[in-house]
C-alpha atoms as a PDB file:
ATOM      1  CA  MET A   1       7.409  66.436  -1.427  1.00  0.00           C
ATOM      2  CA  LYS A   2       9.736  69.141  -2.707  1.00  0.00           C
ATOM      3  CA  ALA A   3      12.083  68.608   0.238  1.00  0.00           C
ATOM      4  CA  ARG A   4      12.020  64.849  -0.363  1.00  0.00           C
ATOM      5  CA  ALA A   5      12.730  65.309  -4.073  1.00  0.00           C
ATOM      6  CA  SER A   6      15.576  67.690  -3.323  1.00  0.00           C
ATOM      7  CA  CYS A   7      17.059  65.199  -0.902  1.00  0.00           C
ATOM      8  CA  LEU A   8      16.869  62.396  -3.468  1.00  0.00           C
ATOM      9  CA  LEU A   9      18.541  64.589  -6.063  1.00  0.00           C
ATOM     10  CA  LEU A  10      21.268  65.502  -3.588  1.00  0.00           C
ATOM     11  CA  ALA A  11      21.729  61.863  -2.660  1.00  0.00           C
ATOM     12  CA  ALA A  12      22.306  61.007  -6.316  1.00  0.00           C
ATOM     13  CA  THR A  13      25.215  63.401  -6.441  1.00  0.00           C
ATOM     14  CA  ILE A  14      26.881  63.732  -3.044  1.00  0.00           C
ATOM     15  CA  GLY A  15      24.774  61.565  -0.727  1.00  0.00           C
ATOM     16  CA  CYS A  16      22.014  62.450   1.729  1.00  0.00           C
ATOM     17  CA  ALA A  17      22.094  61.223   5.316  1.00  0.00           C
ATOM     18  CA  SER A  18      18.328  61.477   5.732  1.00  0.00           C
ATOM     19  CA  VAL A  19      17.810  59.123   2.770  1.00  0.00           C
ATOM     20  CA  SER A  20      20.506  56.523   3.459  1.00  0.00           C
ATOM     21  CA  SER A  21      22.606  56.274   6.584  1.00  0.00           C
ATOM     22  CA  GLN A  22      24.871  53.341   7.341  1.00  0.00           C
ATOM     23  CA  ALA A  23      26.875  52.932  10.500  1.00  0.00           C
ATOM     24  CA  PRO A  24      30.615  52.631   9.880  1.00  0.00           C
ATOM     25  CA  PRO A  25      31.984  49.098  10.215  1.00  0.00           C
ATOM     26  CA  PRO A  26      33.327  48.311  13.680  1.00  0.00           C
ATOM     27  CA  GLN A  27      37.038  48.695  14.239  1.00  0.00           C
ATOM     28  CA  PRO A  28      39.015  45.442  14.253  1.00  0.00           C
ATOM     29  CA  ASN A  29      39.550  43.816  17.657  1.00  0.00           C
ATOM     30  CA  THR A  30      36.631  45.594  19.306  1.00  0.00           C
ATOM     31  CA  LEU A  31      33.232  44.492  20.554  1.00  0.00           C
ATOM     32  CA  THR A  32      29.922  46.145  19.817  1.00  0.00           C
ATOM     33  CA  ASP A  33      27.388  46.707  22.576  1.00  0.00           C
ATOM     34  CA  ALA A  34      25.258  43.955  21.056  1.00  0.00           C
ATOM     35  CA  GLU A  35      28.199  41.511  21.117  1.00  0.00           C
ATOM     36  CA  ARG A  36      28.927  42.277  24.753  1.00  0.00           C
ATOM     37  CA  ALA A  37      25.268  41.783  25.626  1.00  0.00           C
ATOM     38  CA  ALA A  38      25.339  38.413  23.862  1.00  0.00           C
ATOM     39  CA  GLY A  39      28.320  37.271  25.935  1.00  0.00           C
ATOM     40  CA  TRP A  40      31.165  37.728  23.449  1.00  0.00           C
ATOM     41  CA  ARG A  41      34.650  38.684  24.578  1.00  0.00           C
ATOM     42  CA  LEU A  42      37.980  39.290  22.888  1.00  0.00           C
ATOM     43  CA  LEU A  43      40.903  36.851  22.953  1.00  0.00           C
ATOM     44  CA  PHE A  44      43.252  39.337  21.258  1.00  0.00           C
ATOM     45  CA  ASP A  45      43.410  43.052  22.038  1.00  0.00           C
ATOM     46  CA  GLY A  46      45.043  44.070  18.762  1.00  0.00           C
ATOM     47  CA  LYS A  47      48.089  45.524  20.510  1.00  0.00           C
ATOM     48  CA  THR A  48      49.794  42.786  22.514  1.00  0.00           C
ATOM     49  CA  THR A  49      50.134  39.011  22.664  1.00  0.00           C
ATOM     50  CA  ASN A  50      48.584  38.952  26.136  1.00  0.00           C
ATOM     51  CA  GLY A  51      46.487  35.863  26.747  1.00  0.00           C
ATOM     52  CA  TRP A  52      48.627  33.652  24.495  1.00  0.00           C
ATOM     53  CA  ARG A  53      51.722  31.514  25.046  1.00  0.00           C
ATOM     54  CA  ASN A  54      53.659  28.899  23.147  1.00  0.00           C
ATOM     55  CA  TYR A  55      52.490  25.307  23.314  1.00  0.00           C
ATOM     56  CA  ASN A  56      54.006  23.647  26.388  1.00  0.00           C
ATOM     57  CA  ALA A  57      55.593  26.904  27.516  1.00  0.00           C
ATOM     58  CA  ASP A  58      54.837  29.670  29.992  1.00  0.00           C
ATOM     59  CA  THR A  59      55.627  32.536  27.614  1.00  0.00           C
ATOM     60  CA  ILE A  60      55.300  33.420  23.955  1.00  0.00           C
ATOM     61  CA  GLY A  61      58.412  33.861  21.811  1.00  0.00           C
ATOM     62  CA  SER A  62      59.263  36.785  19.579  1.00  0.00           C
ATOM     63  CA  GLY A  63      58.221  34.843  16.489  1.00  0.00           C
ATOM     64  CA  TRP A  64      54.642  35.898  17.227  1.00  0.00           C
ATOM     65  CA  GLN A  65      53.894  39.613  17.503  1.00  0.00           C
ATOM     66  CA  ALA A  66      51.017  42.057  17.334  1.00  0.00           C
ATOM     67  CA  VAL A  67      51.595  43.761  13.981  1.00  0.00           C
ATOM     68  CA  ASP A  68      49.177  46.295  12.475  1.00  0.00           C
ATOM     69  CA  GLY A  69      46.339  45.045  14.653  1.00  0.00           C
ATOM     70  CA  ALA A  70      46.915  41.350  13.913  1.00  0.00           C
ATOM     71  CA  LEU A  71      48.377  38.459  15.890  1.00  0.00           C
ATOM     72  CA  THR A  72      51.104  37.648  13.397  1.00  0.00           C
ATOM     73  CA  ARG A  73      53.586  34.869  12.901  1.00  0.00           C
ATOM     74  CA  ALA A  74      56.236  37.432  12.103  1.00  0.00           C
ATOM     75  CA  ALA A  75      59.577  35.592  12.027  1.00  0.00           C
ATOM     76  CA  ARG A  76      60.232  32.487   9.983  1.00  0.00           C
ATOM     77  CA  ASN A  77      61.080  29.257  11.825  1.00  0.00           C
ATOM     78  CA  THR A  78      60.974  30.904  15.261  1.00  0.00           C
ATOM     79  CA  GLY A  79      57.279  30.999  15.992  1.00  0.00           C
ATOM     80  CA  GLY A  80      56.089  27.628  17.210  1.00  0.00           C
ATOM     81  CA  ASP A  81      52.458  26.761  17.837  1.00  0.00           C
ATOM     82  CA  ILE A  82      50.659  29.002  20.316  1.00  0.00           C
ATOM     83  CA  VAL A  83      47.681  28.430  22.619  1.00  0.00           C
ATOM     84  CA  THR A  84      45.351  30.486  24.740  1.00  0.00           C
ATOM     85  CA  ARG A  85      46.143  30.679  28.422  1.00  0.00           C
ATOM     86  CA  GLU A  86      42.526  29.816  29.128  1.00  0.00           C
ATOM     87  CA  SER A  87      40.749  26.554  28.450  1.00  0.00           C
ATOM     88  CA  PHE A  88      37.300  26.246  26.907  1.00  0.00           C
ATOM     89  CA  ARG A  89      34.655  23.542  26.795  1.00  0.00           C
ATOM     90  CA  ASN A  90      31.609  24.531  24.726  1.00  0.00           C
ATOM     91  CA  PHE A  91      31.871  27.732  22.720  1.00  0.00           C
ATOM     92  CA  GLU A  92      31.307  29.730  19.578  1.00  0.00           C
ATOM     93  CA  LEU A  93      34.460  31.306  18.167  1.00  0.00           C
ATOM     94  CA  VAL A  94      34.969  33.794  15.355  1.00  0.00           C
ATOM     95  CA  ILE A  95      38.366  34.704  13.954  1.00  0.00           C
ATOM     96  CA  GLU A  96      39.763  36.276  10.805  1.00  0.00           C
ATOM     97  CA  TRP A  97      42.920  35.020   9.119  1.00  0.00           C
ATOM     98  CA  LYS A  98      45.153  36.100   6.261  1.00  0.00           C
ATOM     99  CA  LEU A  99      48.028  34.475   4.394  1.00  0.00           C
ATOM    100  CA  SER A 100      50.646  36.150   2.218  1.00  0.00           C
ATOM    101  CA  PRO A 101      50.743  35.894  -1.604  1.00  0.00           C
ATOM    102  CA  THR A 102      54.552  36.130  -1.495  1.00  0.00           C
ATOM    103  CA  GLY A 103      57.114  33.884   0.136  1.00  0.00           C
ATOM    104  CA  PRO A 104      56.355  30.261   1.082  1.00  0.00           C
ATOM    105  CA  ALA A 105      52.820  29.077   0.345  1.00  0.00           C
ATOM    106  CA  GLY A 106      50.789  29.569   3.513  1.00  0.00           C
ATOM    107  CA  ASN A 107      49.756  26.754   5.814  1.00  0.00           C
ATOM    108  CA  SER A 108      48.373  27.058   9.347  1.00  0.00           C
ATOM    109  CA  GLY A 109      45.508  25.761  11.424  1.00  0.00           C
ATOM    110  CA  LEU A 110      43.054  26.420  14.229  1.00  0.00           C
ATOM    111  CA  PHE A 111      42.943  23.785  16.988  1.00  0.00           C
ATOM    112  CA  TYR A 112      40.408  23.332  19.776  1.00  0.00           C
ATOM    113  CA  ARG A 113      40.368  21.436  23.091  1.00  0.00           C
ATOM    114  CA  VAL A 114      44.150  21.334  23.030  1.00  0.00           C
ATOM    115  CA  GLN A 115      45.969  19.165  25.580  1.00  0.00           C
ATOM    116  CA  GLU A 116      49.686  19.591  26.201  1.00  0.00           C
ATOM    117  CA  ASP A 117      50.665  16.021  26.991  1.00  0.00           C
ATOM    118  CA  THR A 118      49.990  14.371  23.629  1.00  0.00           C
ATOM    119  CA  GLY A 119      53.452  14.862  22.125  1.00  0.00           C
ATOM    120  CA  ALA A 120      52.370  17.425  19.542  1.00  0.00           C
ATOM    121  CA  ILE A 121      49.406  19.754  19.345  1.00  0.00           C
ATOM    122  CA  TYR A 122      47.922  17.935  16.339  1.00  0.00           C
ATOM    123  CA  TRP A 123      48.125  14.462  17.904  1.00  0.00           C
ATOM    124  CA  GLY A 124      45.351  15.339  20.335  1.00  0.00           C
ATOM    125  CA  ALA A 125      43.407  18.364  19.150  1.00  0.00           C
ATOM    126  CA  PRO A 126      41.165  18.436  16.059  1.00  0.00           C
ATOM    127  CA  GLU A 127      42.146  21.081  13.518  1.00  0.00           C
ATOM    128  CA  MET A 128      40.349  23.416  11.126  1.00  0.00           C
ATOM    129  CA  ALA A 129      42.766  23.799   8.219  1.00  0.00           C
ATOM    130  CA  ILE A 130      44.034  27.183   7.010  1.00  0.00           C
ATOM    131  CA  VAL A 131      45.819  26.845   3.665  1.00  0.00           C
ATOM    132  CA  ASP A 132      46.829  28.765   0.557  1.00  0.00           C
ATOM    133  CA  ASN A 133      44.599  26.603  -1.645  1.00  0.00           C
ATOM    134  CA  ALA A 134      46.081  28.040  -4.830  1.00  0.00           C
ATOM    135  CA  ARG A 135      49.767  27.340  -4.105  1.00  0.00           C
ATOM    136  CA  HIS A 136      50.106  24.821  -1.282  1.00  0.00           C
ATOM    137  CA  GLY A 137      49.872  21.089  -1.867  1.00  0.00           C
ATOM    138  CA  ASP A 138      47.328  20.671   0.923  1.00  0.00           C
ATOM    139  CA  GLY A 139      44.996  22.967  -1.002  1.00  0.00           C
ATOM    140  CA  ARG A 140      44.732  20.402  -3.787  1.00  0.00           C
ATOM    141  CA  ARG A 141      43.206  17.809  -1.447  1.00  0.00           C
ATOM    142  CA  GLU A 142      39.708  18.503  -0.157  1.00  0.00           C
ATOM    143  CA  VAL A 143      40.444  16.746   3.128  1.00  0.00           C
ATOM    144  CA  THR A 144      43.312  19.156   3.896  1.00  0.00           C
ATOM    145  CA  SER A 145      42.178  22.360   2.162  1.00  0.00           C
ATOM    146  CA  SER A 146      41.024  25.474   3.991  1.00  0.00           C
ATOM    147  CA  GLY A 147      38.024  24.852   6.227  1.00  0.00           C
ATOM    148  CA  ALA A 148      38.430  21.072   6.377  1.00  0.00           C
ATOM    149  CA  ASN A 149      38.584  19.108   9.591  1.00  0.00           C
ATOM    150  CA  HIS A 150      42.169  18.223   8.787  1.00  0.00           C
ATOM    151  CA  SER A 151      42.595  14.740   7.306  1.00  0.00           C
ATOM    152  CA  LEU A 152      39.083  13.648   8.297  1.00  0.00           C
ATOM    153  CA  TYR A 153      36.215  15.743   6.892  1.00  0.00           C
ATOM    154  CA  PRO A 154      36.777  17.382   3.488  1.00  0.00           C
ATOM    155  CA  VAL A 155      35.538  20.688   2.152  1.00  0.00           C
ATOM    156  CA  ALA A 156      33.817  20.056  -1.165  1.00  0.00           C
ATOM    157  CA  HIS A 157      34.464  23.467  -2.708  1.00  0.00           C
ATOM    158  CA  ILE A 158      36.971  26.270  -2.385  1.00  0.00           C
ATOM    159  CA  HIS A 159      35.465  28.950  -0.161  1.00  0.00           C
ATOM    160  CA  THR A 160      38.548  31.060   0.456  1.00  0.00           C
ATOM    161  CA  ARG A 161      39.066  34.624  -0.677  1.00  0.00           C
ATOM    162  CA  PRO A 162      42.123  35.573  -2.772  1.00  0.00           C
ATOM    163  CA  VAL A 163      45.374  35.135  -0.861  1.00  0.00           C
ATOM    164  CA  GLY A 164      46.242  38.369   0.905  1.00  0.00           C
ATOM    165  CA  GLU A 165      42.620  39.132   1.840  1.00  0.00           C
ATOM    166  CA  TRP A 166      41.005  38.427   5.192  1.00  0.00           C
ATOM    167  CA  ASN A 167      38.948  35.249   5.597  1.00  0.00           C
ATOM    168  CA  HIS A 168      36.347  34.746   8.320  1.00  0.00           C
ATOM    169  CA  ILE A 169      35.966  31.620  10.449  1.00  0.00           C
ATOM    170  CA  ARG A 170      33.105  30.685  12.734  1.00  0.00           C
ATOM    171  CA  LEU A 171      33.754  27.560  14.793  1.00  0.00           C
ATOM    172  CA  VAL A 172      31.011  26.036  16.942  1.00  0.00           C
ATOM    173  CA  VAL A 173      31.975  23.353  19.454  1.00  0.00           C
ATOM    174  CA  ASN A 174      29.066  22.265  21.639  1.00  0.00           C
ATOM    175  CA  GLY A 175      29.402  18.923  23.381  1.00  0.00           C
ATOM    176  CA  ASN A 176      30.236  16.501  20.577  1.00  0.00           C
ATOM    177  CA  HIS A 177      28.721  18.687  17.864  1.00  0.00           C
ATOM    178  CA  VAL A 178      31.145  20.716  15.731  1.00  0.00           C
ATOM    179  CA  GLU A 179      30.541  23.117  12.853  1.00  0.00           C
ATOM    180  CA  HIS A 180      33.139  24.784  10.623  1.00  0.00           C
ATOM    181  CA  TRP A 181      31.992  27.981   8.887  1.00  0.00           C
ATOM    182  CA  LEU A 182      34.184  29.758   6.349  1.00  0.00           C
ATOM    183  CA  ASN A 183      33.295  33.168   4.906  1.00  0.00           C
ATOM    184  CA  GLY A 184      29.643  32.793   5.851  1.00  0.00           C
ATOM    185  CA  GLU A 185      29.123  29.216   4.642  1.00  0.00           C
ATOM    186  CA  LYS A 186      28.936  26.069   6.744  1.00  0.00           C
ATOM    187  CA  VAL A 187      31.549  23.824   5.119  1.00  0.00           C
ATOM    188  CA  VAL A 188      31.892  20.971   7.628  1.00  0.00           C
ATOM    189  CA  GLU A 189      29.698  19.466  10.344  1.00  0.00           C
ATOM    190  CA  TYR A 190      30.440  16.384  12.431  1.00  0.00           C
ATOM    191  CA  GLU A 191      29.905  14.639  15.759  1.00  0.00           C
ATOM    192  CA  LEU A 192      32.955  13.809  17.823  1.00  0.00           C
ATOM    193  CA  GLY A 193      32.931  10.174  18.922  1.00  0.00           C
ATOM    194  CA  SER A 194      30.235   9.111  16.455  1.00  0.00           C
ATOM    195  CA  ASP A 195      30.601   5.888  14.472  1.00  0.00           C
ATOM    196  CA  ASP A 196      31.432   7.967  11.401  1.00  0.00           C
ATOM    197  CA  TRP A 197      34.071   9.954  13.308  1.00  0.00           C
ATOM    198  CA  LYS A 198      35.654   6.780  14.703  1.00  0.00           C
ATOM    199  CA  ALA A 199      35.797   5.180  11.255  1.00  0.00           C
ATOM    200  CA  ARG A 200      37.488   8.225   9.737  1.00  0.00           C
ATOM    201  CA  VAL A 201      40.022   8.431  12.566  1.00  0.00           C
ATOM    202  CA  ALA A 202      40.804   4.715  12.242  1.00  0.00           C
ATOM    203  CA  ALA A 203      41.554   5.205   8.537  1.00  0.00           C
ATOM    204  CA  SER A 204      43.714   8.297   9.079  1.00  0.00           C
ATOM    205  CA  LYS A 205      47.155   9.236  10.372  1.00  0.00           C
ATOM    206  CA  PHE A 206      45.548   9.574  13.819  1.00  0.00           C
ATOM    207  CA  ALA A 207      44.734   5.863  14.058  1.00  0.00           C
ATOM    208  CA  ASP A 208      47.567   5.218  16.531  1.00  0.00           C
ATOM    209  CA  LYS A 209      46.791   8.306  18.653  1.00  0.00           C
ATOM    210  CA  PRO A 210      44.350   6.995  21.277  1.00  0.00           C
ATOM    211  CA  ARG A 211      43.607  10.431  22.735  1.00  0.00           C
ATOM    212  CA  TYR A 212      42.923  12.201  19.458  1.00  0.00           C
ATOM    213  CA  GLY A 213      39.728  14.237  19.694  1.00  0.00           C
ATOM    214  CA  LYS A 214      38.821  12.766  23.087  1.00  0.00           C
ATOM    215  CA  ALA A 215      39.220  15.859  25.312  1.00  0.00           C
ATOM    216  CA  THR A 216      36.047  17.619  26.401  1.00  0.00           C
ATOM    217  CA  GLU A 217      37.856  20.840  27.324  1.00  0.00           C
ATOM    218  CA  GLY A 218      41.137  22.488  26.412  1.00  0.00           C
ATOM    219  CA  HIS A 219      42.989  25.426  24.944  1.00  0.00           C
ATOM    220  CA  LEU A 220      42.567  27.003  21.533  1.00  0.00           C
ATOM    221  CA  GLY A 221      45.661  26.740  19.363  1.00  0.00           C
ATOM    222  CA  LEU A 222      47.120  28.494  16.314  1.00  0.00           C
ATOM    223  CA  GLN A 223      49.668  26.686  14.183  1.00  0.00           C
ATOM    224  CA  GLU A 224      53.058  27.865  13.007  1.00  0.00           C
ATOM    225  CA  HIS A 225      53.871  25.947   9.838  1.00  0.00           C
ATOM    226  CA  GLY A 226      56.817  27.765   8.280  1.00  0.00           C
ATOM    227  CA  SER A 227      54.976  30.620   6.591  1.00  0.00           C
ATOM    228  CA  PHE A 228      53.392  33.980   7.293  1.00  0.00           C
ATOM    229  CA  VAL A 229      49.931  34.010   8.847  1.00  0.00           C
ATOM    230  CA  ALA A 230      47.987  36.733  10.656  1.00  0.00           C
ATOM    231  CA  PHE A 231      44.872  36.612  12.837  1.00  0.00           C
ATOM    232  CA  ARG A 232      42.544  39.305  14.133  1.00  0.00           C
ATOM    233  CA  ASN A 233      39.028  39.803  15.535  1.00  0.00           C
ATOM    234  CA  ILE A 234      39.382  36.728  17.744  1.00  0.00           C
ATOM    235  CA  LYS A 235      36.143  36.574  19.713  1.00  0.00           C
ATOM    236  CA  ILE A 236      34.533  33.851  21.795  1.00  0.00           C
ATOM    237  CA  ARG A 237      31.396  33.240  23.784  1.00  0.00           C
ATOM    238  CA  ALA A 238      30.626  30.313  26.031  1.00  0.00           C
ATOM    239  CA  LEU A 239      27.813  27.900  25.231  1.00  0.00           C
ATOM    240  CA  ARG A 240      26.022  25.916  27.893  1.00  0.00           C
END
């Protein structure tokens, strides 16, 4: 008992490992043993842009760079949308993103099942919106604010952290079922091709895009929209 009491007293002043021991948080852009065992893998190594290229191109331009451990849209008006070299069908994806509190109000997006013959990335692939809700016009509309299925399924509340801090996305795409998670909360859920989905598409800017949301497999895409954006901890695992 005396040893226990001494340890508690020590913990109150300088900390005591035998009383409370927490593992340090994992380094960005790394996988834990448990993640590897569960089938996760990295889509960004934290050091290079390997595995990514510009939309409808074989290479990635200098507008996107690995900066301080983040895949960063580093040069204004020279980035362009980028996609993974690989294609994915059913998956669970996690990714962190950050916008800048200075300069143009941030606007970007995460696309899935991207095809490269639809004219523009957003004319075929559904998008999870990434927006500076406080300063950008899209942040004032629930159907285009951060976390929304852009222009179709709104996010009822603001779930973003202050601009300049990292936000966490979890995107589940399994068959026709899709879930958008933002900072630990499920903010959107929908079924591709359902009557509700079709009605929303027909009433949207995608009404004259017959292939919108129809692909069952495709690339992941990150949007360049004229402002700074950075991504890290991009991890994916396949779902059956």
